[in-house]
N, C-alpha and C. Protein backbone atom coordinates (compact mmCIF):
# COMPACT_ATOMS: atom_id res chain seq x y z
N MET A 1 128.92 -47.35 -114.36
CA MET A 1 128.06 -48.46 -114.65
C MET A 1 127.74 -49.35 -113.51
N THR A 2 128.70 -49.62 -112.55
CA THR A 2 128.45 -50.38 -111.38
C THR A 2 127.39 -49.78 -110.48
N ASP A 3 127.30 -48.44 -110.52
CA ASP A 3 126.18 -47.87 -109.66
C ASP A 3 124.83 -48.19 -110.11
N LEU A 4 124.59 -48.53 -111.42
CA LEU A 4 123.33 -48.89 -111.95
C LEU A 4 122.87 -50.26 -111.50
N LYS A 5 123.77 -51.20 -111.23
CA LYS A 5 123.37 -52.62 -110.92
C LYS A 5 122.49 -52.60 -109.61
N PRO A 6 122.87 -51.90 -108.58
CA PRO A 6 122.08 -51.99 -107.35
C PRO A 6 120.64 -51.36 -107.62
N LYS A 7 120.62 -50.40 -108.48
CA LYS A 7 119.29 -49.68 -108.84
C LYS A 7 118.37 -50.74 -109.54
N ARG A 8 119.05 -51.44 -110.55
CA ARG A 8 118.33 -52.40 -111.26
C ARG A 8 117.84 -53.51 -110.38
N ALA A 9 118.56 -53.98 -109.47
CA ALA A 9 118.09 -55.01 -108.42
C ALA A 9 117.00 -54.35 -107.62
N ASP A 10 117.13 -53.17 -107.13
CA ASP A 10 116.12 -52.54 -106.37
C ASP A 10 114.83 -52.33 -107.16
N ALA A 11 114.99 -51.97 -108.45
CA ALA A 11 113.88 -51.86 -109.29
C ALA A 11 113.13 -53.17 -109.54
N ARG A 12 113.86 -54.24 -109.63
CA ARG A 12 113.21 -55.57 -109.72
C ARG A 12 112.50 -55.93 -108.45
N ARG A 13 113.10 -55.67 -107.31
CA ARG A 13 112.46 -56.02 -106.09
C ARG A 13 111.26 -55.12 -105.89
N ASN A 14 111.38 -53.78 -106.29
CA ASN A 14 110.23 -52.90 -106.13
C ASN A 14 109.08 -53.42 -107.08
N GLU A 15 109.41 -53.77 -108.24
CA GLU A 15 108.42 -54.25 -109.17
C GLU A 15 107.66 -55.43 -108.66
N LYS A 16 108.46 -56.47 -108.15
CA LYS A 16 107.88 -57.64 -107.65
C LYS A 16 107.03 -57.36 -106.48
N SER A 17 107.40 -56.45 -105.57
CA SER A 17 106.70 -56.03 -104.40
C SER A 17 105.35 -55.33 -104.83
N LEU A 18 105.55 -54.53 -105.84
CA LEU A 18 104.28 -53.78 -106.32
C LEU A 18 103.33 -54.73 -106.92
N LEU A 19 103.82 -55.76 -107.66
CA LEU A 19 102.85 -56.64 -108.33
C LEU A 19 102.16 -57.53 -107.27
N GLU A 20 102.85 -57.92 -106.21
CA GLU A 20 102.24 -58.71 -105.21
C GLU A 20 101.27 -57.88 -104.39
N ALA A 21 101.64 -56.68 -104.09
CA ALA A 21 100.78 -55.72 -103.40
C ALA A 21 99.45 -55.45 -104.27
N ALA A 22 99.64 -55.13 -105.52
CA ALA A 22 98.58 -54.88 -106.44
C ALA A 22 97.56 -56.06 -106.46
N ALA A 23 98.17 -57.24 -106.60
CA ALA A 23 97.30 -58.47 -106.65
C ALA A 23 96.51 -58.58 -105.38
N ALA A 24 97.14 -58.30 -104.20
CA ALA A 24 96.37 -58.47 -102.96
C ALA A 24 95.32 -57.33 -102.88
N VAL A 25 95.62 -56.15 -103.25
CA VAL A 25 94.66 -55.05 -103.24
C VAL A 25 93.49 -55.33 -104.23
N PHE A 26 93.86 -55.85 -105.37
CA PHE A 26 92.85 -56.15 -106.34
C PHE A 26 91.91 -57.25 -105.87
N VAL A 27 92.39 -58.13 -105.12
CA VAL A 27 91.42 -59.17 -104.50
C VAL A 27 90.52 -58.52 -103.51
N GLU A 28 91.11 -57.66 -102.69
CA GLU A 28 90.31 -57.05 -101.58
C GLU A 28 89.31 -55.95 -102.15
N GLN A 29 89.78 -55.18 -103.11
CA GLN A 29 89.03 -53.97 -103.51
C GLN A 29 88.63 -54.01 -105.02
N GLY A 30 89.11 -54.87 -105.76
CA GLY A 30 88.85 -54.86 -107.17
C GLY A 30 89.93 -54.03 -107.91
N VAL A 31 89.95 -54.16 -109.30
CA VAL A 31 91.08 -53.62 -110.04
C VAL A 31 90.92 -52.08 -110.18
N GLN A 32 89.90 -51.42 -109.75
CA GLN A 32 89.74 -50.03 -109.65
C GLN A 32 90.26 -49.41 -108.41
N ALA A 33 90.87 -50.25 -107.57
CA ALA A 33 91.37 -49.74 -106.34
C ALA A 33 92.35 -48.55 -106.49
N PRO A 34 92.38 -47.70 -105.47
CA PRO A 34 93.19 -46.48 -105.68
C PRO A 34 94.70 -46.89 -105.64
N VAL A 35 95.49 -46.24 -106.48
CA VAL A 35 96.93 -46.44 -106.62
C VAL A 35 97.58 -46.23 -105.29
N ARG A 36 97.08 -45.30 -104.49
CA ARG A 36 97.73 -44.97 -103.26
C ARG A 36 97.63 -46.21 -102.27
N ASP A 37 96.48 -47.03 -102.36
CA ASP A 37 96.35 -48.19 -101.58
C ASP A 37 97.38 -49.28 -101.93
N ILE A 38 97.68 -49.39 -103.25
CA ILE A 38 98.61 -50.32 -103.72
C ILE A 38 100.05 -49.96 -103.26
N ALA A 39 100.33 -48.62 -103.38
CA ALA A 39 101.55 -48.12 -102.97
C ALA A 39 101.77 -48.29 -101.40
N ALA A 40 100.73 -48.01 -100.60
CA ALA A 40 100.91 -48.23 -99.16
C ALA A 40 101.17 -49.67 -98.87
N LYS A 41 100.43 -50.52 -99.55
CA LYS A 41 100.60 -52.08 -99.26
C LYS A 41 102.07 -52.48 -99.61
N ALA A 42 102.61 -51.85 -100.70
CA ALA A 42 103.94 -52.20 -101.20
C ALA A 42 105.00 -51.44 -100.43
N GLY A 43 104.67 -50.42 -99.62
CA GLY A 43 105.60 -49.66 -98.97
C GLY A 43 106.46 -48.71 -99.86
N VAL A 44 105.86 -48.26 -100.94
CA VAL A 44 106.46 -47.31 -101.81
C VAL A 44 105.64 -46.11 -102.11
N GLY A 45 106.18 -45.12 -102.66
CA GLY A 45 105.38 -43.94 -103.07
C GLY A 45 104.61 -44.18 -104.42
N THR A 46 103.55 -43.43 -104.63
CA THR A 46 102.76 -43.65 -105.83
C THR A 46 103.62 -43.37 -107.16
N GLY A 47 104.57 -42.52 -107.01
CA GLY A 47 105.48 -42.23 -108.14
C GLY A 47 106.23 -43.54 -108.58
N THR A 48 106.60 -44.31 -107.72
CA THR A 48 107.28 -45.54 -107.97
C THR A 48 106.37 -46.44 -108.83
N ILE A 49 105.11 -46.50 -108.51
CA ILE A 49 104.12 -47.31 -109.33
C ILE A 49 104.09 -46.77 -110.68
N TYR A 50 103.93 -45.44 -110.81
CA TYR A 50 103.84 -44.87 -112.18
C TYR A 50 105.09 -45.00 -113.01
N ARG A 51 106.27 -45.04 -112.35
CA ARG A 51 107.49 -45.21 -113.10
C ARG A 51 107.57 -46.70 -113.68
N HIS A 52 107.05 -47.62 -112.95
CA HIS A 52 107.05 -48.95 -113.49
C HIS A 52 105.77 -49.20 -114.39
N PHE A 53 104.69 -48.63 -114.07
CA PHE A 53 103.44 -48.91 -114.79
C PHE A 53 102.66 -47.60 -115.11
N PRO A 54 102.99 -47.00 -116.19
CA PRO A 54 102.44 -45.68 -116.49
C PRO A 54 100.88 -45.64 -116.46
N THR A 55 100.22 -46.73 -116.85
CA THR A 55 98.76 -46.76 -116.83
C THR A 55 98.21 -47.88 -115.99
N ARG A 56 96.97 -47.75 -115.63
CA ARG A 56 96.34 -48.89 -114.81
C ARG A 56 96.34 -50.14 -115.68
N GLY A 57 96.08 -49.97 -117.07
CA GLY A 57 96.07 -51.17 -117.88
C GLY A 57 97.48 -51.86 -117.90
N ASP A 58 98.56 -51.07 -117.82
CA ASP A 58 99.91 -51.64 -117.68
C ASP A 58 100.08 -52.41 -116.38
N LEU A 59 99.54 -51.85 -115.30
CA LEU A 59 99.61 -52.47 -114.00
C LEU A 59 98.77 -53.81 -114.00
N VAL A 60 97.60 -53.69 -114.53
CA VAL A 60 96.62 -54.92 -114.58
C VAL A 60 97.33 -56.04 -115.39
N THR A 61 97.85 -55.66 -116.53
CA THR A 61 98.50 -56.70 -117.37
C THR A 61 99.70 -57.29 -116.70
N ALA A 62 100.48 -56.43 -116.03
CA ALA A 62 101.71 -56.99 -115.29
C ALA A 62 101.21 -57.90 -114.17
N VAL A 63 100.27 -57.63 -113.40
CA VAL A 63 99.76 -58.40 -112.38
C VAL A 63 99.26 -59.73 -112.88
N TYR A 64 98.58 -59.69 -113.96
CA TYR A 64 98.08 -60.91 -114.59
C TYR A 64 99.24 -61.82 -114.99
N ARG A 65 100.25 -61.25 -115.65
CA ARG A 65 101.46 -62.05 -116.09
C ARG A 65 102.18 -62.63 -114.82
N HIS A 66 102.35 -61.75 -113.87
CA HIS A 66 103.03 -62.16 -112.63
C HIS A 66 102.37 -63.39 -111.94
N GLN A 67 101.07 -63.24 -111.92
CA GLN A 67 100.29 -64.39 -111.33
C GLN A 67 100.34 -65.61 -112.18
N VAL A 68 100.30 -65.52 -113.45
CA VAL A 68 100.44 -66.70 -114.36
C VAL A 68 101.85 -67.31 -114.08
N GLU A 69 102.84 -66.51 -114.02
CA GLU A 69 104.18 -67.04 -113.77
C GLU A 69 104.31 -67.69 -112.41
N ALA A 70 103.71 -67.10 -111.33
CA ALA A 70 103.77 -67.78 -110.02
C ALA A 70 103.08 -69.13 -110.06
N CYS A 71 101.88 -69.18 -110.76
CA CYS A 71 101.18 -70.41 -110.89
C CYS A 71 101.98 -71.45 -111.68
N ALA A 72 102.63 -71.00 -112.70
CA ALA A 72 103.40 -72.03 -113.48
C ALA A 72 104.69 -72.47 -112.74
N GLU A 73 105.25 -71.61 -112.04
CA GLU A 73 106.46 -72.04 -111.32
C GLU A 73 106.07 -72.97 -110.08
N ALA A 74 104.94 -72.83 -109.61
CA ALA A 74 104.49 -73.55 -108.40
C ALA A 74 104.25 -75.10 -108.74
N GLY A 75 103.87 -75.39 -110.00
CA GLY A 75 103.54 -76.76 -110.32
C GLY A 75 104.79 -77.69 -110.14
N PRO A 76 105.90 -77.46 -110.73
CA PRO A 76 107.11 -78.32 -110.63
C PRO A 76 107.56 -78.38 -109.07
N THR A 77 107.50 -77.26 -108.45
CA THR A 77 107.83 -77.22 -106.99
C THR A 77 106.90 -78.10 -106.12
N LEU A 78 105.68 -78.01 -106.36
CA LEU A 78 104.69 -78.87 -105.59
C LEU A 78 104.89 -80.33 -105.96
N LEU A 79 105.14 -80.63 -107.18
CA LEU A 79 105.37 -82.09 -107.61
C LEU A 79 106.68 -82.59 -106.98
N ALA A 80 107.70 -81.80 -107.00
CA ALA A 80 109.00 -82.26 -106.44
C ALA A 80 108.89 -82.42 -104.94
N GLY A 81 108.08 -81.59 -104.24
CA GLY A 81 107.97 -81.67 -102.83
C GLY A 81 106.92 -82.61 -102.21
N SER A 82 106.32 -83.35 -103.12
CA SER A 82 105.19 -84.29 -102.69
C SER A 82 105.40 -85.73 -103.03
N THR A 83 105.10 -86.57 -102.13
CA THR A 83 105.21 -88.01 -102.45
C THR A 83 103.99 -88.56 -103.15
N ASP A 84 102.98 -87.78 -103.23
CA ASP A 84 101.67 -88.13 -103.79
C ASP A 84 101.34 -87.05 -104.88
N PRO A 85 101.41 -87.47 -106.16
CA PRO A 85 101.14 -86.52 -107.32
C PRO A 85 99.70 -85.98 -107.25
N HIS A 86 98.70 -86.76 -106.68
CA HIS A 86 97.45 -86.21 -106.64
C HIS A 86 97.35 -85.10 -105.69
N THR A 87 98.03 -85.16 -104.60
CA THR A 87 98.02 -84.07 -103.56
C THR A 87 98.75 -82.87 -104.27
N ALA A 88 99.82 -83.04 -104.93
CA ALA A 88 100.48 -81.90 -105.64
C ALA A 88 99.54 -81.27 -106.61
N LEU A 89 98.83 -82.07 -107.40
CA LEU A 89 97.80 -81.60 -108.31
C LEU A 89 96.73 -80.76 -107.58
N ALA A 90 96.23 -81.32 -106.53
CA ALA A 90 95.14 -80.67 -105.77
C ALA A 90 95.60 -79.33 -105.17
N ARG A 91 96.86 -79.28 -104.71
CA ARG A 91 97.42 -78.02 -104.17
C ARG A 91 97.64 -77.00 -105.30
N TRP A 92 98.09 -77.50 -106.45
CA TRP A 92 98.23 -76.55 -107.61
C TRP A 92 96.88 -76.06 -108.03
N ILE A 93 95.89 -76.91 -108.05
CA ILE A 93 94.53 -76.43 -108.47
C ILE A 93 94.02 -75.42 -107.47
N ASP A 94 94.33 -75.57 -106.14
CA ASP A 94 94.01 -74.44 -105.22
C ASP A 94 94.58 -73.14 -105.54
N LEU A 95 95.95 -73.17 -105.97
CA LEU A 95 96.52 -71.91 -106.43
C LEU A 95 95.92 -71.41 -107.63
N PHE A 96 95.55 -72.28 -108.54
CA PHE A 96 94.87 -71.99 -109.74
C PHE A 96 93.56 -71.28 -109.49
N VAL A 97 92.76 -71.85 -108.56
CA VAL A 97 91.50 -71.24 -108.19
C VAL A 97 91.68 -69.85 -107.63
N ASP A 98 92.68 -69.70 -106.76
CA ASP A 98 93.02 -68.26 -106.21
C ASP A 98 93.26 -67.34 -107.39
N PHE A 99 94.10 -67.84 -108.38
CA PHE A 99 94.43 -66.99 -109.50
C PHE A 99 93.20 -66.66 -110.27
N LEU A 100 92.32 -67.66 -110.59
CA LEU A 100 91.18 -67.46 -111.41
C LEU A 100 90.19 -66.49 -110.78
N VAL A 101 89.98 -66.56 -109.43
CA VAL A 101 89.13 -65.61 -108.78
C VAL A 101 89.61 -64.18 -108.99
N THR A 102 90.90 -64.01 -108.90
CA THR A 102 91.50 -62.66 -109.17
C THR A 102 91.49 -62.35 -110.55
N LYS A 103 91.76 -63.34 -111.43
CA LYS A 103 91.82 -63.10 -112.87
C LYS A 103 90.55 -62.57 -113.45
N HIS A 104 89.41 -63.04 -112.87
CA HIS A 104 88.11 -62.61 -113.36
C HIS A 104 88.01 -61.07 -113.36
N GLY A 105 88.45 -60.50 -112.31
CA GLY A 105 88.46 -59.00 -112.21
C GLY A 105 89.47 -58.39 -113.15
N LEU A 106 90.63 -59.04 -113.31
CA LEU A 106 91.66 -58.57 -114.17
C LEU A 106 91.18 -58.57 -115.61
N ALA A 107 90.55 -59.71 -115.99
CA ALA A 107 90.12 -59.88 -117.35
C ALA A 107 89.06 -58.84 -117.72
N ALA A 108 88.07 -58.64 -116.76
CA ALA A 108 87.04 -57.66 -117.03
C ALA A 108 87.62 -56.28 -117.19
N ALA A 109 88.71 -55.94 -116.49
CA ALA A 109 89.32 -54.68 -116.73
C ALA A 109 89.96 -54.55 -118.06
N LEU A 110 90.37 -55.60 -118.65
CA LEU A 110 91.08 -55.55 -119.93
C LEU A 110 90.15 -55.59 -121.17
N HIS A 111 88.85 -55.89 -120.80
CA HIS A 111 87.83 -56.12 -121.89
C HIS A 111 88.16 -57.06 -122.96
N PRO A 112 87.35 -58.08 -123.25
CA PRO A 112 87.57 -59.07 -124.15
C PRO A 112 87.78 -58.61 -125.62
N ASP A 113 87.29 -57.43 -125.92
CA ASP A 113 87.52 -56.87 -127.27
C ASP A 113 88.88 -56.21 -127.48
N ASN A 114 89.66 -56.18 -126.44
CA ASN A 114 91.01 -55.61 -126.41
C ASN A 114 91.99 -56.65 -126.91
N THR A 115 92.88 -56.31 -127.85
CA THR A 115 93.84 -57.28 -128.35
C THR A 115 94.77 -57.79 -127.29
N GLU A 116 95.03 -56.90 -126.28
CA GLU A 116 95.90 -57.38 -125.15
C GLU A 116 95.23 -58.54 -124.48
N PHE A 117 93.90 -58.59 -124.41
CA PHE A 117 93.19 -59.63 -123.72
C PHE A 117 93.53 -60.94 -124.43
N ASP A 118 93.38 -60.98 -125.71
CA ASP A 118 93.64 -62.20 -126.47
C ASP A 118 95.10 -62.68 -126.33
N THR A 119 96.03 -61.70 -126.35
CA THR A 119 97.42 -62.09 -126.09
C THR A 119 97.64 -62.64 -124.74
N LEU A 120 97.05 -62.17 -123.71
CA LEU A 120 97.14 -62.57 -122.41
C LEU A 120 96.50 -63.98 -122.17
N HIS A 121 95.41 -64.22 -122.83
CA HIS A 121 94.69 -65.49 -122.73
C HIS A 121 95.56 -66.59 -123.42
N THR A 122 96.17 -66.29 -124.53
CA THR A 122 97.07 -67.22 -125.17
C THR A 122 98.34 -67.54 -124.32
N TYR A 123 98.79 -66.48 -123.75
CA TYR A 123 99.94 -66.59 -122.74
C TYR A 123 99.56 -67.47 -121.62
N PHE A 124 98.39 -67.26 -121.04
CA PHE A 124 97.86 -68.06 -119.91
C PHE A 124 97.79 -69.52 -120.25
N LEU A 125 97.21 -69.82 -121.40
CA LEU A 125 97.13 -71.23 -121.87
C LEU A 125 98.48 -71.87 -122.19
N ASP A 126 99.31 -71.08 -122.85
CA ASP A 126 100.69 -71.59 -123.21
C ASP A 126 101.54 -71.94 -122.02
N ARG A 127 101.34 -71.08 -120.90
CA ARG A 127 102.19 -71.32 -119.66
C ARG A 127 101.53 -72.36 -118.71
N LEU A 128 100.25 -72.37 -118.65
CA LEU A 128 99.62 -73.13 -117.56
C LEU A 128 99.15 -74.56 -117.95
N VAL A 129 98.72 -74.67 -119.18
CA VAL A 129 98.18 -76.07 -119.67
C VAL A 129 99.32 -77.10 -119.51
N PRO A 130 100.59 -76.71 -119.99
CA PRO A 130 101.71 -77.73 -119.75
C PRO A 130 101.96 -78.12 -118.39
N VAL A 131 101.93 -77.13 -117.44
CA VAL A 131 102.16 -77.32 -115.98
C VAL A 131 101.19 -78.30 -115.47
N CYS A 132 99.80 -78.08 -115.80
CA CYS A 132 98.81 -78.95 -115.32
C CYS A 132 99.02 -80.33 -115.90
N ALA A 133 99.30 -80.37 -117.19
CA ALA A 133 99.53 -81.61 -117.93
C ALA A 133 100.65 -82.46 -117.24
N ASP A 134 101.67 -81.80 -116.80
CA ASP A 134 102.80 -82.54 -116.13
C ASP A 134 102.32 -83.13 -114.81
N LEU A 135 101.52 -82.36 -114.03
CA LEU A 135 100.94 -82.77 -112.72
C LEU A 135 99.99 -84.00 -113.04
N ILE A 136 99.23 -83.90 -114.04
CA ILE A 136 98.23 -84.96 -114.38
C ILE A 136 98.99 -86.24 -114.84
N THR A 137 99.98 -86.07 -115.60
CA THR A 137 100.81 -87.18 -116.05
C THR A 137 101.40 -87.94 -114.83
N ALA A 138 101.94 -87.18 -113.89
CA ALA A 138 102.52 -87.78 -112.82
C ALA A 138 101.50 -88.53 -111.96
N ALA A 139 100.29 -87.93 -111.82
CA ALA A 139 99.23 -88.65 -111.07
C ALA A 139 98.70 -89.89 -111.85
N LYS A 140 98.66 -89.71 -113.20
CA LYS A 140 98.24 -90.96 -113.97
C LYS A 140 99.25 -92.08 -113.78
N ALA A 141 100.57 -91.74 -113.73
CA ALA A 141 101.64 -92.75 -113.68
C ALA A 141 101.58 -93.56 -112.34
N THR A 142 101.02 -93.04 -111.33
CA THR A 142 100.87 -93.64 -110.08
C THR A 142 99.42 -94.34 -109.89
N GLY A 143 98.56 -94.13 -110.94
CA GLY A 143 97.32 -94.71 -110.87
C GLY A 143 96.37 -93.90 -110.00
N ASP A 144 96.71 -92.66 -109.64
CA ASP A 144 95.84 -91.86 -108.74
C ASP A 144 94.62 -91.31 -109.44
N ILE A 145 94.67 -91.05 -110.69
CA ILE A 145 93.53 -90.35 -111.28
C ILE A 145 93.13 -91.08 -112.62
N HIS A 146 91.97 -90.84 -113.07
CA HIS A 146 91.37 -91.44 -114.37
C HIS A 146 92.37 -91.17 -115.42
N PRO A 147 92.71 -92.12 -116.26
CA PRO A 147 93.58 -92.02 -117.31
C PRO A 147 93.11 -91.14 -118.46
N ASP A 148 91.85 -90.84 -118.53
CA ASP A 148 91.42 -89.94 -119.61
C ASP A 148 91.39 -88.46 -119.26
N THR A 149 91.85 -88.12 -118.04
CA THR A 149 91.90 -86.77 -117.61
C THR A 149 92.84 -85.92 -118.41
N THR A 150 92.40 -84.75 -118.90
CA THR A 150 93.21 -83.91 -119.72
C THR A 150 93.39 -82.56 -118.98
N ALA A 151 94.53 -81.90 -119.16
CA ALA A 151 94.75 -80.62 -118.58
C ALA A 151 93.73 -79.58 -118.97
N TYR A 152 93.62 -79.44 -120.28
CA TYR A 152 92.72 -78.41 -120.75
C TYR A 152 91.30 -78.52 -120.26
N GLU A 153 90.75 -79.82 -120.27
CA GLU A 153 89.36 -80.00 -119.73
C GLU A 153 89.30 -79.72 -118.26
N LEU A 154 90.36 -80.18 -117.43
CA LEU A 154 90.33 -79.95 -116.07
C LEU A 154 90.30 -78.47 -115.78
N MET A 155 91.24 -77.75 -116.44
CA MET A 155 91.37 -76.31 -116.21
C MET A 155 90.11 -75.60 -116.58
N ARG A 156 89.51 -76.02 -117.67
CA ARG A 156 88.24 -75.34 -118.11
C ARG A 156 87.18 -75.60 -117.11
N ALA A 157 87.03 -76.86 -116.61
CA ALA A 157 86.09 -77.11 -115.58
C ALA A 157 86.27 -76.39 -114.31
N VAL A 158 87.49 -76.22 -113.92
CA VAL A 158 87.79 -75.43 -112.70
C VAL A 158 87.44 -73.96 -112.96
N GLY A 159 87.77 -73.53 -114.12
CA GLY A 159 87.42 -72.07 -114.53
C GLY A 159 85.94 -71.87 -114.51
N ASN A 160 85.13 -72.76 -114.99
CA ASN A 160 83.72 -72.68 -114.99
C ASN A 160 83.13 -72.65 -113.62
N LEU A 161 83.67 -73.43 -112.71
CA LEU A 161 83.35 -73.48 -111.29
C LEU A 161 83.72 -72.12 -110.55
N CYS A 162 84.61 -71.42 -111.07
CA CYS A 162 85.10 -70.19 -110.39
C CYS A 162 84.31 -68.91 -110.89
N ILE A 163 83.59 -69.06 -112.01
CA ILE A 163 82.83 -67.93 -112.50
C ILE A 163 81.91 -67.37 -111.45
N GLY A 164 82.00 -66.12 -111.21
CA GLY A 164 81.06 -65.39 -110.27
C GLY A 164 81.43 -65.70 -108.83
N ALA A 165 82.47 -66.36 -108.46
CA ALA A 165 82.82 -66.68 -107.15
C ALA A 165 82.90 -65.49 -106.22
N GLY A 166 83.44 -64.37 -106.72
CA GLY A 166 83.61 -63.16 -105.90
C GLY A 166 82.26 -62.40 -105.81
N GLU A 167 81.21 -62.74 -106.50
CA GLU A 167 80.03 -62.01 -106.42
C GLU A 167 78.98 -62.58 -105.44
N ASP A 168 79.25 -63.79 -104.94
CA ASP A 168 78.28 -64.45 -104.07
C ASP A 168 79.05 -65.05 -102.85
N PRO A 169 78.94 -64.37 -101.65
CA PRO A 169 79.73 -64.84 -100.51
C PRO A 169 79.25 -66.18 -100.04
N ARG A 170 78.17 -66.72 -100.49
CA ARG A 170 77.66 -68.06 -100.11
C ARG A 170 78.30 -69.15 -100.91
N TYR A 171 79.00 -68.76 -102.04
CA TYR A 171 79.64 -69.79 -102.89
C TYR A 171 81.04 -69.82 -102.64
N ASP A 172 81.60 -71.01 -102.27
CA ASP A 172 83.01 -71.19 -102.01
C ASP A 172 83.60 -72.06 -103.16
N ALA A 173 84.19 -71.34 -104.10
CA ALA A 173 84.63 -72.00 -105.31
C ALA A 173 85.75 -73.06 -105.00
N ARG A 174 86.56 -72.71 -104.03
CA ARG A 174 87.60 -73.65 -103.72
C ARG A 174 87.06 -74.97 -103.15
N ARG A 175 85.99 -74.86 -102.39
CA ARG A 175 85.32 -76.17 -101.87
C ARG A 175 84.68 -76.97 -102.97
N VAL A 176 84.04 -76.27 -103.85
CA VAL A 176 83.38 -77.00 -105.01
C VAL A 176 84.42 -77.52 -105.94
N VAL A 177 85.47 -76.87 -106.20
CA VAL A 177 86.59 -77.36 -107.05
C VAL A 177 87.24 -78.58 -106.33
N GLY A 178 87.28 -78.51 -105.04
CA GLY A 178 87.82 -79.68 -104.27
C GLY A 178 87.04 -80.93 -104.48
N TRP A 179 85.75 -80.79 -104.66
CA TRP A 179 84.90 -81.95 -104.91
C TRP A 179 85.27 -82.54 -106.34
N LEU A 180 85.50 -81.59 -107.29
CA LEU A 180 85.86 -82.08 -108.62
C LEU A 180 87.26 -82.76 -108.55
N VAL A 181 88.14 -82.20 -107.97
CA VAL A 181 89.52 -82.78 -107.87
C VAL A 181 89.54 -84.06 -107.13
N GLY A 182 88.75 -84.17 -106.08
CA GLY A 182 88.54 -85.44 -105.39
C GLY A 182 87.94 -86.50 -106.27
N GLY A 183 87.07 -86.11 -107.14
CA GLY A 183 86.42 -87.03 -107.97
C GLY A 183 87.31 -87.63 -109.14
N LEU A 184 88.51 -86.98 -109.31
CA LEU A 184 89.42 -87.49 -110.27
C LEU A 184 90.11 -88.77 -109.82
N ARG A 185 90.15 -89.06 -108.51
CA ARG A 185 90.80 -90.21 -107.96
C ARG A 185 90.22 -91.52 -108.55
N MET A 186 91.12 -92.39 -108.75
CA MET A 186 90.69 -93.84 -109.23
C MET A 186 90.23 -94.56 -107.91
N VAL A 187 89.04 -95.10 -107.95
CA VAL A 187 88.52 -95.87 -106.86
C VAL A 187 88.73 -97.38 -107.20
N GLU A 188 89.30 -98.11 -106.25
CA GLU A 188 89.58 -99.56 -106.51
C GLU A 188 88.59 -100.33 -105.88
């Protein structure tokens, strides 16, 4: 039994490494990138990928969930490490933009008529709206942003500004979203 524990820890590390590598490769090449490119980026063999994720759909879904979790975990960390809640919110929104630009390709690979897509969208909202709401609440408490700002509306606006960002190199979604986030500030 004790021999299995190191393998399970290795498997978890391999899986995390694979998900991070897959996310990076998906950003660079799209979700149809060759598995060998993901394996090379992760420093593992292609068999390791298939052991963890038997199908491309399994890998895409796992990357999506991994990125949602990373974004969710970043919110409290950014808030705790910042003296200015608006800055923490802006940094979190930057991460959210990065996720959304990647997510667009992931979502397209899952097809909206797929029941897994609906499940992932619900998961996305359930995990990220409360994180954004906590950041907004902190910024409201210091008078940094408009009191009627809501997490869902802000996230929806950011999402709309990110649509098609990967298709037009002249469009910088992060910059445009920065204007939106800057506009949340209360002006005295």
